[in-house]
Amino acid sequence: MSSPAPFELRDPDEPRLKHVQPLAGWERWRFLVSPQWLGWFALACAVAVVCSMLGQWQLSRRAETLAVISKVTANYDREPVPFSEAKGDFRALDPEHEWLPVTLTGAYLPDRQLVVRNRQNNSQNGYEVLVPFKTASGEVIAVDRGWVPLSSDGGGRPSAVPAAPTGTVTITVRLRPSEPALDRGAPAGQIATIELSQVADLTRLPVMQGAYGVLRSEDPAPAQPLAAKERPSIDEGSHLSYAMQWFTFGLLAFVGLAYSARRHAVEVDEDRDWAAEVALRSDRGDDDRPQIVHAAHPAARPSQGREQRPRRASSRTRNGTRDEDIEDAYLDSL
């Protein structure tokens, strides 16, 4: 047996309720200029501005990353150029020449060697070994010969530093700009960053200030080479996807506002329908013998959310029946 259909209390002779015509045009959306909705609009604008700024910041970071990647892909594996062609870059490095291989001939100055602290290589902590190199024409270049691990005794020094080749050596290095200075101390013979003016002060040599070299090869080869630095990454990361997410969040602020405004307009229409239905029932209060009628009648379907509406103030009809009694009976039947 099927369950009984919902019923309501109403007069079977009562005509069907003609719903109130929904508001249209400016009247329908007048609430948008109220202080409350203007405040919500201002909040949506603020959220969109913040999200847009964060998205632009991610795009700028991506642009910086792509610029670095373009230099690596363009210069890292190029054929070396002679020192005579790249001498100007060691004085003032052209940003487009970063990672460019350069060939030099001269001799290392191992007695002025320095180690650079807190350097990672393949996810391991250690040191980079910086040795001045004097070219055959007399210029002094700072050369990063490679990486050594931390000492196992925890003494804050490298485990061992293999010696550089002696005598005349031909080396190939990749150009790198001077690093920013760090306000950080270091033990004797160590530095916190490859800031070339500091390197010149510590070594008391006229080190060229525009660029230093990261070792690619040495001829003759040393008896024990240092670990080569890992190749720079060419992964651009997730900056683009993060930027798109921020822009989407900013757009969703207005989508949410538009959806809320639409729902509010619909609820206003439902409120007007409800008020008209209650008024009609109040006018027909001369019949105090309501009968049970099937709820399939169109007027018996309450709009969404009516059960949550506040109870109207009590008033008497012509025969003494209260509006709220009729309304309560109607809601209880639902």
C-alpha atoms as a PDB file:
ATOM      1  CA  MET A   1       0.000   0.000   0.000  1.00  0.00           C
ATOM      2  CA  SER A   2       1.366   3.384  -0.928  1.00  0.00           C
ATOM      3  CA  SER A   3       1.826   6.012   1.737  1.00  0.00           C
ATOM      4  CA  PRO A   4      -0.877   8.683   1.937  1.00  0.00           C
ATOM      5  CA  ALA A   5      -0.224  11.926   0.130  1.00  0.00           C
ATOM      6  CA  PRO A   6       0.270  15.086   2.191  1.00  0.00           C
ATOM      7  CA  PHE A   7      -2.889  17.012   3.081  1.00  0.00           C
ATOM      8  CA  GLU A   8      -3.686  20.540   4.042  1.00  0.00           C
ATOM      9  CA  LEU A   9      -6.557  22.253   5.773  1.00  0.00           C
ATOM     10  CA  ARG A  10      -8.550  24.448   3.404  1.00  0.00           C
ATOM     11  CA  ASP A  11     -12.038  24.990   2.104  1.00  0.00           C
ATOM     12  CA  PRO A  12     -12.729  22.757  -0.934  1.00  0.00           C
ATOM     13  CA  ASP A  13     -14.814  25.517  -2.479  1.00  0.00           C
ATOM     14  CA  GLU A  14     -11.993  28.063  -2.204  1.00  0.00           C
ATOM     15  CA  PRO A  15     -10.649  29.100  -5.631  1.00  0.00           C
ATOM     16  CA  ARG A  16      -7.032  28.466  -6.521  1.00  0.00           C
ATOM     17  CA  LEU A  17      -4.666  31.163  -5.340  1.00  0.00           C
ATOM     18  CA  LYS A  18      -3.371  33.373  -8.111  1.00  0.00           C
ATOM     19  CA  HIS A  19       0.311  33.946  -7.318  1.00  0.00           C
ATOM     20  CA  VAL A  20       1.582  37.502  -7.145  1.00  0.00           C
ATOM     21  CA  GLN A  21       3.364  38.666 -10.281  1.00  0.00           C
ATOM     22  CA  PRO A  22       7.159  38.647  -9.581  1.00  0.00           C
ATOM     23  CA  LEU A  23       8.934  41.975  -9.452  1.00  0.00           C
ATOM     24  CA  ALA A  24      10.769  42.971 -12.605  1.00  0.00           C
ATOM     25  CA  GLY A  25      13.434  45.411 -13.693  1.00  0.00           C
ATOM     26  CA  TRP A  26      14.723  47.938 -11.189  1.00  0.00           C
ATOM     27  CA  GLU A  27      12.118  46.994  -8.576  1.00  0.00           C
ATOM     28  CA  ARG A  28      13.434  43.430  -8.500  1.00  0.00           C
ATOM     29  CA  TRP A  29      17.061  44.437  -7.948  1.00  0.00           C
ATOM     30  CA  ARG A  30      16.577  47.588  -5.872  1.00  0.00           C
ATOM     31  CA  PHE A  31      18.026  45.803  -2.804  1.00  0.00           C
ATOM     32  CA  LEU A  32      21.482  45.771  -4.427  1.00  0.00           C
ATOM     33  CA  VAL A  33      21.953  49.474  -3.546  1.00  0.00           C
ATOM     34  CA  SER A  34      21.175  48.898   0.114  1.00  0.00           C
ATOM     35  CA  PRO A  35      24.086  49.415   2.570  1.00  0.00           C
ATOM     36  CA  GLN A  36      24.251  45.696   3.312  1.00  0.00           C
ATOM     37  CA  TRP A  37      24.601  44.619  -0.307  1.00  0.00           C
ATOM     38  CA  LEU A  38      26.976  47.462  -1.133  1.00  0.00           C
ATOM     39  CA  GLY A  39      29.103  46.201   1.730  1.00  0.00           C
ATOM     40  CA  TRP A  40      29.083  42.676   0.285  1.00  0.00           C
ATOM     41  CA  PHE A  41      30.047  44.109  -3.118  1.00  0.00           C
ATOM     42  CA  ALA A  42      32.949  46.029  -1.551  1.00  0.00           C
ATOM     43  CA  LEU A  43      34.113  42.844   0.182  1.00  0.00           C
ATOM     44  CA  ALA A  44      33.994  40.911  -3.108  1.00  0.00           C
ATOM     45  CA  CYS A  45      36.035  43.684  -4.774  1.00  0.00           C
ATOM     46  CA  ALA A  46      38.621  43.551  -1.980  1.00  0.00           C
ATOM     47  CA  VAL A  47      38.914  39.774  -2.278  1.00  0.00           C
ATOM     48  CA  ALA A  48      39.282  40.039  -6.060  1.00  0.00           C
ATOM     49  CA  VAL A  49      41.991  42.714  -5.773  1.00  0.00           C
ATOM     50  CA  VAL A  50      44.006  40.662  -3.266  1.00  0.00           C
ATOM     51  CA  CYS A  51      43.679  37.508  -5.365  1.00  0.00           C
ATOM     52  CA  SER A  52      44.690  39.433  -8.495  1.00  0.00           C
ATOM     53  CA  MET A  53      47.786  40.808  -6.758  1.00  0.00           C
ATOM     54  CA  LEU A  54      48.791  37.334  -5.599  1.00  0.00           C
ATOM     55  CA  GLY A  55      48.237  35.974  -9.098  1.00  0.00           C
ATOM     56  CA  GLN A  56      50.393  38.738 -10.605  1.00  0.00           C
ATOM     57  CA  TRP A  57      53.097  38.001  -8.032  1.00  0.00           C
ATOM     58  CA  GLN A  58      53.122  34.338  -9.082  1.00  0.00           C
ATOM     59  CA  LEU A  59      53.360  35.372 -12.742  1.00  0.00           C
ATOM     60  CA  SER A  60      56.319  37.651 -11.974  1.00  0.00           C
ATOM     61  CA  ARG A  61      58.076  34.806 -10.177  1.00  0.00           C
ATOM     62  CA  ARG A  62      57.447  32.587 -13.179  1.00  0.00           C
ATOM     63  CA  ALA A  63      58.901  35.228 -15.488  1.00  0.00           C
ATOM     64  CA  GLU A  64      62.050  35.383 -13.349  1.00  0.00           C
ATOM     65  CA  THR A  65      62.335  31.594 -13.392  1.00  0.00           C
ATOM     66  CA  LEU A  66      61.884  31.458 -17.168  1.00  0.00           C
ATOM     67  CA  ALA A  67      64.604  34.092 -17.611  1.00  0.00           C
ATOM     68  CA  VAL A  68      67.032  31.940 -15.611  1.00  0.00           C
ATOM     69  CA  ILE A  69      66.041  28.827 -17.535  1.00  0.00           C
ATOM     70  CA  SER A  70      66.574  30.579 -20.876  1.00  0.00           C
ATOM     71  CA  LYS A  71      70.122  31.529 -19.871  1.00  0.00           C
ATOM     72  CA  VAL A  72      70.915  27.973 -18.777  1.00  0.00           C
ATOM     73  CA  THR A  73      69.553  26.397 -21.952  1.00  0.00           C
ATOM     74  CA  ALA A  74      71.262  28.967 -24.176  1.00  0.00           C
ATOM     75  CA  ASN A  75      74.730  29.046 -22.565  1.00  0.00           C
ATOM     76  CA  TYR A  76      75.383  26.074 -20.302  1.00  0.00           C
ATOM     77  CA  ASP A  77      76.468  23.595 -23.017  1.00  0.00           C
ATOM     78  CA  ARG A  78      77.896  26.066 -25.525  1.00  0.00           C
ATOM     79  CA  GLU A  79      81.397  25.798 -26.910  1.00  0.00           C
ATOM     80  CA  PRO A  80      83.844  27.745 -24.700  1.00  0.00           C
ATOM     81  CA  VAL A  81      85.028  31.174 -25.782  1.00  0.00           C
ATOM     82  CA  PRO A  82      88.573  32.400 -25.116  1.00  0.00           C
ATOM     83  CA  PHE A  83      89.294  34.667 -22.186  1.00  0.00           C
ATOM     84  CA  SER A  84      90.217  37.482 -24.543  1.00  0.00           C
ATOM     85  CA  GLU A  85      86.589  37.632 -25.768  1.00  0.00           C
ATOM     86  CA  ALA A  86      85.054  37.365 -22.311  1.00  0.00           C
ATOM     87  CA  LYS A  87      87.391  39.669 -20.400  1.00  0.00           C
ATOM     88  CA  GLY A  88      84.779  42.410 -20.349  1.00  0.00           C
ATOM     89  CA  ASP A  89      82.274  40.084 -18.659  1.00  0.00           C
ATOM     90  CA  PHE A  90      84.704  39.513 -15.779  1.00  0.00           C
ATOM     91  CA  ARG A  91      84.744  43.277 -15.277  1.00  0.00           C
ATOM     92  CA  ALA A  92      80.958  43.784 -15.703  1.00  0.00           C
ATOM     93  CA  LEU A  93      78.918  40.706 -16.545  1.00  0.00           C
ATOM     94  CA  ASP A  94      76.335  40.938 -19.323  1.00  0.00           C
ATOM     95  CA  PRO A  95      73.246  39.178 -17.854  1.00  0.00           C
ATOM     96  CA  GLU A  96      72.737  37.365 -21.162  1.00  0.00           C
ATOM     97  CA  HIS A  97      76.185  35.753 -20.811  1.00  0.00           C
ATOM     98  CA  GLU A  98      75.530  34.061 -17.465  1.00  0.00           C
ATOM     99  CA  TRP A  99      76.674  30.394 -17.569  1.00  0.00           C
ATOM    100  CA  LEU A 100      78.745  31.055 -20.703  1.00  0.00           C
ATOM    101  CA  PRO A 101      81.850  28.759 -20.768  1.00  0.00           C
ATOM    102  CA  VAL A 102      85.196  30.575 -20.958  1.00  0.00           C
ATOM    103  CA  THR A 103      88.691  29.091 -21.392  1.00  0.00           C
ATOM    104  CA  LEU A 104      91.597  30.567 -19.391  1.00  0.00           C
ATOM    105  CA  THR A 105      95.278  29.710 -19.093  1.00  0.00           C
ATOM    106  CA  GLY A 106      97.315  30.552 -16.014  1.00  0.00           C
ATOM    107  CA  ALA A 107      98.006  29.280 -12.525  1.00  0.00           C
ATOM    108  CA  TYR A 108      96.081  28.760  -9.306  1.00  0.00           C
ATOM    109  CA  LEU A 109      97.062  30.661  -6.154  1.00  0.00           C
ATOM    110  CA  PRO A 110      96.278  27.944  -3.565  1.00  0.00           C
ATOM    111  CA  ASP A 111      97.717  29.875  -0.620  1.00  0.00           C
ATOM    112  CA  ARG A 112      94.781  32.343  -0.937  1.00  0.00           C
ATOM    113  CA  GLN A 113      92.132  29.616  -1.064  1.00  0.00           C
ATOM    114  CA  LEU A 114      88.764  30.159   0.680  1.00  0.00           C
ATOM    115  CA  VAL A 115      85.805  27.858   1.389  1.00  0.00           C
ATOM    116  CA  VAL A 116      82.189  28.972   1.124  1.00  0.00           C
ATOM    117  CA  ARG A 117      79.947  27.795   3.957  1.00  0.00           C
ATOM    118  CA  ASN A 118      76.486  26.200   3.876  1.00  0.00           C
ATOM    119  CA  ARG A 119      76.402  25.054   0.267  1.00  0.00           C
ATOM    120  CA  GLN A 120      74.183  22.224  -0.904  1.00  0.00           C
ATOM    121  CA  ASN A 121      74.953  19.760  -3.650  1.00  0.00           C
ATOM    122  CA  ASN A 122      72.563  16.925  -4.485  1.00  0.00           C
ATOM    123  CA  SER A 123      70.675  17.665  -1.234  1.00  0.00           C
ATOM    124  CA  GLN A 124      73.808  17.356   0.926  1.00  0.00           C
ATOM    125  CA  ASN A 125      75.372  20.137   2.999  1.00  0.00           C
ATOM    126  CA  GLY A 126      78.972  21.063   2.541  1.00  0.00           C
ATOM    127  CA  TYR A 127      81.365  23.704   1.233  1.00  0.00           C
ATOM    128  CA  GLU A 128      82.430  25.130  -2.103  1.00  0.00           C
ATOM    129  CA  VAL A 129      86.141  25.677  -2.668  1.00  0.00           C
ATOM    130  CA  LEU A 130      87.067  29.109  -4.043  1.00  0.00           C
ATOM    131  CA  VAL A 131      90.595  29.486  -5.398  1.00  0.00           C
ATOM    132  CA  PRO A 132      92.033  32.624  -7.067  1.00  0.00           C
ATOM    133  CA  PHE A 133      93.378  32.001 -10.572  1.00  0.00           C
ATOM    134  CA  LYS A 134      95.937  34.301 -12.194  1.00  0.00           C
ATOM    135  CA  THR A 135      95.730  34.348 -15.984  1.00  0.00           C
ATOM    136  CA  ALA A 136      98.733  34.477 -18.291  1.00  0.00           C
ATOM    137  CA  SER A 137      97.946  38.152 -18.933  1.00  0.00           C
ATOM    138  CA  GLY A 138      97.965  38.969 -15.208  1.00  0.00           C
ATOM    139  CA  GLU A 139      94.225  39.223 -14.315  1.00  0.00           C
ATOM    140  CA  VAL A 140      92.993  37.449 -11.162  1.00  0.00           C
ATOM    141  CA  ILE A 141      89.750  35.467 -11.418  1.00  0.00           C
ATOM    142  CA  ALA A 142      87.902  33.802  -8.542  1.00  0.00           C
ATOM    143  CA  VAL A 143      87.251  30.172  -9.493  1.00  0.00           C
ATOM    144  CA  ASP A 144      84.760  27.904  -7.735  1.00  0.00           C
ATOM    145  CA  ARG A 145      86.530  24.537  -8.162  1.00  0.00           C
ATOM    146  CA  GLY A 146      83.744  22.378  -6.766  1.00  0.00           C
ATOM    147  CA  TRP A 147      82.104  21.001  -3.647  1.00  0.00           C
ATOM    148  CA  VAL A 148      83.319  19.054  -0.603  1.00  0.00           C
ATOM    149  CA  PRO A 149      81.175  17.527   2.175  1.00  0.00           C
ATOM    150  CA  LEU A 150      81.112  18.461   5.835  1.00  0.00           C
ATOM    151  CA  SER A 151      83.583  16.834   8.179  1.00  0.00           C
ATOM    152  CA  SER A 152      82.164  13.837  10.028  1.00  0.00           C
ATOM    153  CA  ASP A 153      83.574  15.074  13.358  1.00  0.00           C
ATOM    154  CA  GLY A 154      81.126  18.001  13.401  1.00  0.00           C
ATOM    155  CA  GLY A 155      83.863  20.589  13.715  1.00  0.00           C
ATOM    156  CA  GLY A 156      82.306  23.036  11.254  1.00  0.00           C
ATOM    157  CA  ARG A 157      84.905  22.556   8.525  1.00  0.00           C
ATOM    158  CA  PRO A 158      85.242  20.520   5.319  1.00  0.00           C
ATOM    159  CA  SER A 159      86.342  16.921   5.626  1.00  0.00           C
ATOM    160  CA  ALA A 160      89.209  17.368   3.172  1.00  0.00           C
ATOM    161  CA  VAL A 161      90.014  19.754   0.329  1.00  0.00           C
ATOM    162  CA  PRO A 162      91.848  18.157  -2.606  1.00  0.00           C
ATOM    163  CA  ALA A 163      94.683  20.316  -3.878  1.00  0.00           C
ATOM    164  CA  ALA A 164      94.452  22.276  -7.107  1.00  0.00           C
ATOM    165  CA  PRO A 165      96.795  21.449  -9.979  1.00  0.00           C
ATOM    166  CA  THR A 166     100.112  23.282  -9.796  1.00  0.00           C
ATOM    167  CA  GLY A 167     101.967  25.079 -12.527  1.00  0.00           C
ATOM    168  CA  THR A 168     100.407  26.284 -15.744  1.00  0.00           C
ATOM    169  CA  VAL A 169      96.846  25.066 -16.099  1.00  0.00           C
ATOM    170  CA  THR A 170      94.176  25.528 -18.765  1.00  0.00           C
ATOM    171  CA  ILE A 171      90.729  25.647 -17.280  1.00  0.00           C
ATOM    172  CA  THR A 172      87.201  26.133 -18.572  1.00  0.00           C
ATOM    173  CA  VAL A 173      84.773  27.934 -16.292  1.00  0.00           C
ATOM    174  CA  ARG A 174      81.174  29.110 -16.549  1.00  0.00           C
ATOM    175  CA  LEU A 175      80.445  32.767 -15.810  1.00  0.00           C
ATOM    176  CA  ARG A 176      78.473  33.609 -12.687  1.00  0.00           C
ATOM    177  CA  PRO A 177      77.663  37.039 -11.190  1.00  0.00           C
ATOM    178  CA  SER A 178      78.887  38.199  -7.806  1.00  0.00           C
ATOM    179  CA  GLU A 179      76.517  37.142  -5.036  1.00  0.00           C
ATOM    180  CA  PRO A 180      74.834  39.560  -2.590  1.00  0.00           C
ATOM    181  CA  ALA A 181      76.669  40.336   0.626  1.00  0.00           C
ATOM    182  CA  LEU A 182      75.410  38.665   3.813  1.00  0.00           C
ATOM    183  CA  ASP A 183      75.689  40.176   7.268  1.00  0.00           C
ATOM    184  CA  ARG A 184      77.002  36.919   8.620  1.00  0.00           C
ATOM    185  CA  GLY A 185      80.355  36.056  10.133  1.00  0.00           C
ATOM    186  CA  ALA A 186      82.555  33.065   9.303  1.00  0.00           C
ATOM    187  CA  PRO A 187      85.707  31.460  10.739  1.00  0.00           C
ATOM    188  CA  ALA A 188      89.118  32.302   9.288  1.00  0.00           C
ATOM    189  CA  GLY A 189      89.516  31.004   5.759  1.00  0.00           C
ATOM    190  CA  GLN A 190      85.739  30.749   5.243  1.00  0.00           C
ATOM    191  CA  ILE A 191      83.123  33.064   3.748  1.00  0.00           C
ATOM    192  CA  ALA A 192      79.330  33.032   3.826  1.00  0.00           C
ATOM    193  CA  THR A 193      78.810  34.143   0.219  1.00  0.00           C
ATOM    194  CA  ILE A 194      80.783  34.696  -2.967  1.00  0.00           C
ATOM    195  CA  GLU A 195      80.676  38.466  -2.821  1.00  0.00           C
ATOM    196  CA  LEU A 196      83.662  39.409  -4.973  1.00  0.00           C
ATOM    197  CA  SER A 197      84.638  42.628  -3.205  1.00  0.00           C
ATOM    198  CA  GLN A 198      84.841  40.664   0.060  1.00  0.00           C
ATOM    199  CA  VAL A 199      86.859  37.962  -1.704  1.00  0.00           C
ATOM    200  CA  ALA A 200      89.295  40.629  -2.901  1.00  0.00           C
ATOM    201  CA  ASP A 201      89.605  42.028   0.649  1.00  0.00           C
ATOM    202  CA  LEU A 202      90.202  38.624   2.244  1.00  0.00           C
ATOM    203  CA  THR A 203      92.679  37.392  -0.371  1.00  0.00           C
ATOM    204  CA  ARG A 204      94.357  40.834  -0.781  1.00  0.00           C
ATOM    205  CA  LEU A 205      94.352  40.288  -4.515  1.00  0.00           C
ATOM    206  CA  PRO A 206      92.927  42.413  -7.356  1.00  0.00           C
ATOM    207  CA  VAL A 207      90.108  39.958  -8.034  1.00  0.00           C
ATOM    208  CA  MET A 208      87.944  40.999 -10.988  1.00  0.00           C
ATOM    209  CA  GLN A 209      84.560  42.161  -9.668  1.00  0.00           C
ATOM    210  CA  GLY A 210      82.166  41.508 -12.539  1.00  0.00           C
ATOM    211  CA  ALA A 211      81.969  37.709 -12.434  1.00  0.00           C
ATOM    212  CA  TYR A 212      83.594  34.587 -11.086  1.00  0.00           C
ATOM    213  CA  GLY A 213      83.952  31.191 -12.756  1.00  0.00           C
ATOM    214  CA  VAL A 214      82.407  27.836 -11.871  1.00  0.00           C
ATOM    215  CA  LEU A 215      84.834  25.127 -12.926  1.00  0.00           C
ATOM    216  CA  ARG A 216      83.905  22.934 -15.866  1.00  0.00           C
ATOM    217  CA  SER A 217      87.259  21.264 -16.622  1.00  0.00           C
ATOM    218  CA  GLU A 218      90.982  21.440 -15.822  1.00  0.00           C
ATOM    219  CA  ASP A 219      94.005  20.465 -17.947  1.00  0.00           C
ATOM    220  CA  PRO A 220      96.064  18.827 -16.556  1.00  0.00           C
ATOM    221  CA  ALA A 221      93.484  17.091 -14.383  1.00  0.00           C
ATOM    222  CA  PRO A 222      94.098  17.112 -10.615  1.00  0.00           C
ATOM    223  CA  ALA A 223      95.082  13.976  -8.741  1.00  0.00           C
ATOM    224  CA  GLN A 224      91.798  14.098  -6.835  1.00  0.00           C
ATOM    225  CA  PRO A 225      88.976  16.157  -8.383  1.00  0.00           C
ATOM    226  CA  LEU A 226      86.315  17.872  -6.326  1.00  0.00           C
ATOM    227  CA  ALA A 227      82.663  16.973  -6.672  1.00  0.00           C
ATOM    228  CA  ALA A 228      81.158  18.931  -9.550  1.00  0.00           C
ATOM    229  CA  LYS A 229      78.238  21.219  -8.764  1.00  0.00           C
ATOM    230  CA  GLU A 230      74.885  19.901  -9.906  1.00  0.00           C
ATOM    231  CA  ARG A 231      73.407  21.239 -13.108  1.00  0.00           C
ATOM    232  CA  PRO A 232      70.988  24.127 -12.508  1.00  0.00           C
ATOM    233  CA  SER A 233      67.335  23.154 -12.664  1.00  0.00           C
ATOM    234  CA  ILE A 234      65.257  24.077 -15.702  1.00  0.00           C
ATOM    235  CA  ASP A 235      61.933  23.256 -14.038  1.00  0.00           C
ATOM    236  CA  GLU A 236      59.716  26.345 -13.978  1.00  0.00           C
ATOM    237  CA  GLY A 237      57.730  25.048 -11.012  1.00  0.00           C
ATOM    238  CA  SER A 238      54.040  25.594 -10.274  1.00  0.00           C
ATOM    239  CA  HIS A 239      53.897  29.386 -10.538  1.00  0.00           C
ATOM    240  CA  LEU A 240      51.512  29.389 -13.515  1.00  0.00           C
ATOM    241  CA  SER A 241      49.024  27.003 -11.908  1.00  0.00           C
ATOM    242  CA  TYR A 242      49.143  28.970  -8.647  1.00  0.00           C
ATOM    243  CA  ALA A 243      48.487  32.197 -10.569  1.00  0.00           C
ATOM    244  CA  MET A 244      45.467  30.660 -12.318  1.00  0.00           C
ATOM    245  CA  GLN A 245      44.138  29.472  -8.961  1.00  0.00           C
ATOM    246  CA  TRP A 246      44.383  32.971  -7.472  1.00  0.00           C
ATOM    247  CA  PHE A 247      42.631  34.531 -10.474  1.00  0.00           C
ATOM    248  CA  THR A 248      39.892  31.891 -10.196  1.00  0.00           C
ATOM    249  CA  PHE A 249      39.400  32.658  -6.499  1.00  0.00           C
ATOM    250  CA  GLY A 250      38.987  36.347  -7.328  1.00  0.00           C
ATOM    251  CA  LEU A 251      36.384  35.544  -9.983  1.00  0.00           C
ATOM    252  CA  LEU A 252      34.523  33.224  -7.614  1.00  0.00           C
ATOM    253  CA  ALA A 253      34.004  36.130  -5.195  1.00  0.00           C
ATOM    254  CA  PHE A 254      31.742  37.808  -7.795  1.00  0.00           C
ATOM    255  CA  VAL A 255      30.128  34.508  -8.804  1.00  0.00           C
ATOM    256  CA  GLY A 256      29.191  33.908  -5.172  1.00  0.00           C
ATOM    257  CA  LEU A 257      27.842  37.442  -4.853  1.00  0.00           C
ATOM    258  CA  ALA A 258      25.728  37.050  -8.012  1.00  0.00           C
ATOM    259  CA  TYR A 259      24.355  33.717  -6.813  1.00  0.00           C
ATOM    260  CA  SER A 260      23.427  35.194  -3.417  1.00  0.00           C
ATOM    261  CA  ALA A 261      21.701  38.159  -5.084  1.00  0.00           C
ATOM    262  CA  ARG A 262      19.706  35.818  -7.323  1.00  0.00           C
ATOM    263  CA  ARG A 263      18.626  33.723  -4.334  1.00  0.00           C
ATOM    264  CA  HIS A 264      17.613  36.850  -2.448  1.00  0.00           C
ATOM    265  CA  ALA A 265      15.450  38.018  -5.369  1.00  0.00           C
ATOM    266  CA  VAL A 266      13.744  34.608  -5.524  1.00  0.00           C
ATOM    267  CA  GLU A 267      13.096  34.660  -1.792  1.00  0.00           C
ATOM    268  CA  VAL A 268      11.535  38.116  -2.080  1.00  0.00           C
ATOM    269  CA  ASP A 269       9.077  36.706  -4.639  1.00  0.00           C
ATOM    270  CA  GLU A 270       8.336  33.772  -2.344  1.00  0.00           C
ATOM    271  CA  ASP A 271       7.721  36.149   0.569  1.00  0.00           C
ATOM    272  CA  ARG A 272       5.238  38.118  -1.501  1.00  0.00           C
ATOM    273  CA  ASP A 273       3.439  34.900  -2.526  1.00  0.00           C
ATOM    274  CA  TRP A 274       3.311  33.774   1.075  1.00  0.00           C
ATOM    275  CA  ALA A 275       1.954  37.098   2.290  1.00  0.00           C
ATOM    276  CA  ALA A 276      -0.750  37.020  -0.386  1.00  0.00           C
ATOM    277  CA  GLU A 277      -1.747  33.479   0.555  1.00  0.00           C
ATOM    278  CA  VAL A 278      -2.021  34.338   4.245  1.00  0.00           C
ATOM    279  CA  ALA A 279      -4.057  37.431   3.413  1.00  0.00           C
ATOM    280  CA  LEU A 280      -6.430  35.353   1.271  1.00  0.00           C
ATOM    281  CA  ARG A 281      -6.961  32.846   4.052  1.00  0.00           C
ATOM    282  CA  SER A 282      -7.570  35.673   6.509  1.00  0.00           C
ATOM    283  CA  ASP A 283     -10.223  37.186   4.236  1.00  0.00           C
ATOM    284  CA  ARG A 284     -12.046  33.824   4.059  1.00  0.00           C
ATOM    285  CA  GLY A 285     -12.112  33.434   7.832  1.00  0.00           C
ATOM    286  CA  ASP A 286     -15.954  33.343   7.852  1.00  0.00           C
ATOM    287  CA  ASP A 287     -15.715  29.591   7.244  1.00  0.00           C
ATOM    288  CA  ASP A 288     -14.500  28.098  10.500  1.00  0.00           C
ATOM    289  CA  ARG A 289     -15.042  24.509   9.315  1.00  0.00           C
ATOM    290  CA  PRO A 290     -11.998  23.798   7.182  1.00  0.00           C
ATOM    291  CA  GLN A 291     -11.961  20.464   5.390  1.00  0.00           C
ATOM    292  CA  ILE A 292      -9.060  18.193   4.436  1.00  0.00           C
ATOM    293  CA  VAL A 293      -8.086  18.515   0.795  1.00  0.00           C
ATOM    294  CA  HIS A 294      -5.309  16.744  -1.134  1.00  0.00           C
ATOM    295  CA  ALA A 295      -2.130  18.835  -1.386  1.00  0.00           C
ATOM    296  CA  ALA A 296      -1.861  18.338  -5.133  1.00  0.00           C
ATOM    297  CA  HIS A 297      -3.768  21.623  -5.386  1.00  0.00           C
ATOM    298  CA  PRO A 298      -1.154  24.146  -6.757  1.00  0.00           C
ATOM    299  CA  ALA A 299      -1.818  26.635  -3.977  1.00  0.00           C
ATOM    300  CA  ALA A 300      -1.027  23.977  -1.367  1.00  0.00           C
ATOM    301  CA  ARG A 301       2.651  23.809  -2.247  1.00  0.00           C
ATOM    302  CA  PRO A 302       4.524  26.185   0.039  1.00  0.00           C
ATOM    303  CA  SER A 303       7.608  27.876  -1.321  1.00  0.00           C
ATOM    304  CA  GLN A 304      10.995  26.701  -0.094  1.00  0.00           C
ATOM    305  CA  GLY A 305      11.861  27.763   3.427  1.00  0.00           C
ATOM    306  CA  ARG A 306       8.341  28.721   4.605  1.00  0.00           C
ATOM    307  CA  GLU A 307       8.587  26.431   7.602  1.00  0.00           C
ATOM    308  CA  GLN A 308      11.426  28.659   8.844  1.00  0.00           C
ATOM    309  CA  ARG A 309       9.529  31.941   8.513  1.00  0.00           C
ATOM    310  CA  PRO A 310       8.757  33.869  11.717  1.00  0.00           C
ATOM    311  CA  ARG A 311       5.201  33.645  12.958  1.00  0.00           C
ATOM    312  CA  ARG A 312       3.098  36.687  12.122  1.00  0.00           C
ATOM    313  CA  ALA A 313       1.528  38.771  14.857  1.00  0.00           C
ATOM    314  CA  SER A 314      -1.796  37.407  16.045  1.00  0.00           C
ATOM    315  CA  SER A 315      -4.925  39.019  14.597  1.00  0.00           C
ATOM    316  CA  ARG A 316      -8.657  38.162  14.722  1.00  0.00           C
ATOM    317  CA  THR A 317     -10.746  37.335  11.673  1.00  0.00           C
ATOM    318  CA  ARG A 318     -14.393  38.195  11.334  1.00  0.00           C
ATOM    319  CA  ASN A 319     -15.542  34.958  13.011  1.00  0.00           C
ATOM    320  CA  GLY A 320     -12.900  35.093  15.774  1.00  0.00           C
ATOM    321  CA  THR A 321     -10.450  32.600  14.312  1.00  0.00           C
ATOM    322  CA  ARG A 322      -6.854  33.773  14.547  1.00  0.00           C
ATOM    323  CA  ASP A 323      -4.617  33.916  11.477  1.00  0.00           C
ATOM    324  CA  GLU A 324      -1.840  32.106  13.259  1.00  0.00           C
ATOM    325  CA  ASP A 325      -4.189  29.224  14.127  1.00  0.00           C
ATOM    326  CA  ILE A 326      -5.029  28.768  10.458  1.00  0.00           C
ATOM    327  CA  GLU A 327      -1.369  29.026   9.527  1.00  0.00           C
ATOM    328  CA  ASP A 328      -0.263  26.566  12.225  1.00  0.00           C
ATOM    329  CA  ALA A 329      -2.872  24.039  11.111  1.00  0.00           C
ATOM    330  CA  TYR A 330      -1.680  24.458   7.550  1.00  0.00           C
ATOM    331  CA  LEU A 331       1.991  23.964   8.443  1.00  0.00           C
ATOM    332  CA  ASP A 332       1.226  20.992  10.723  1.00  0.00           C
ATOM    333  CA  SER A 333      -0.600  19.285   7.867  1.00  0.00           C
ATOM    334  CA  LEU A 334       2.530  19.615   5.736  1.00  0.00           C
END
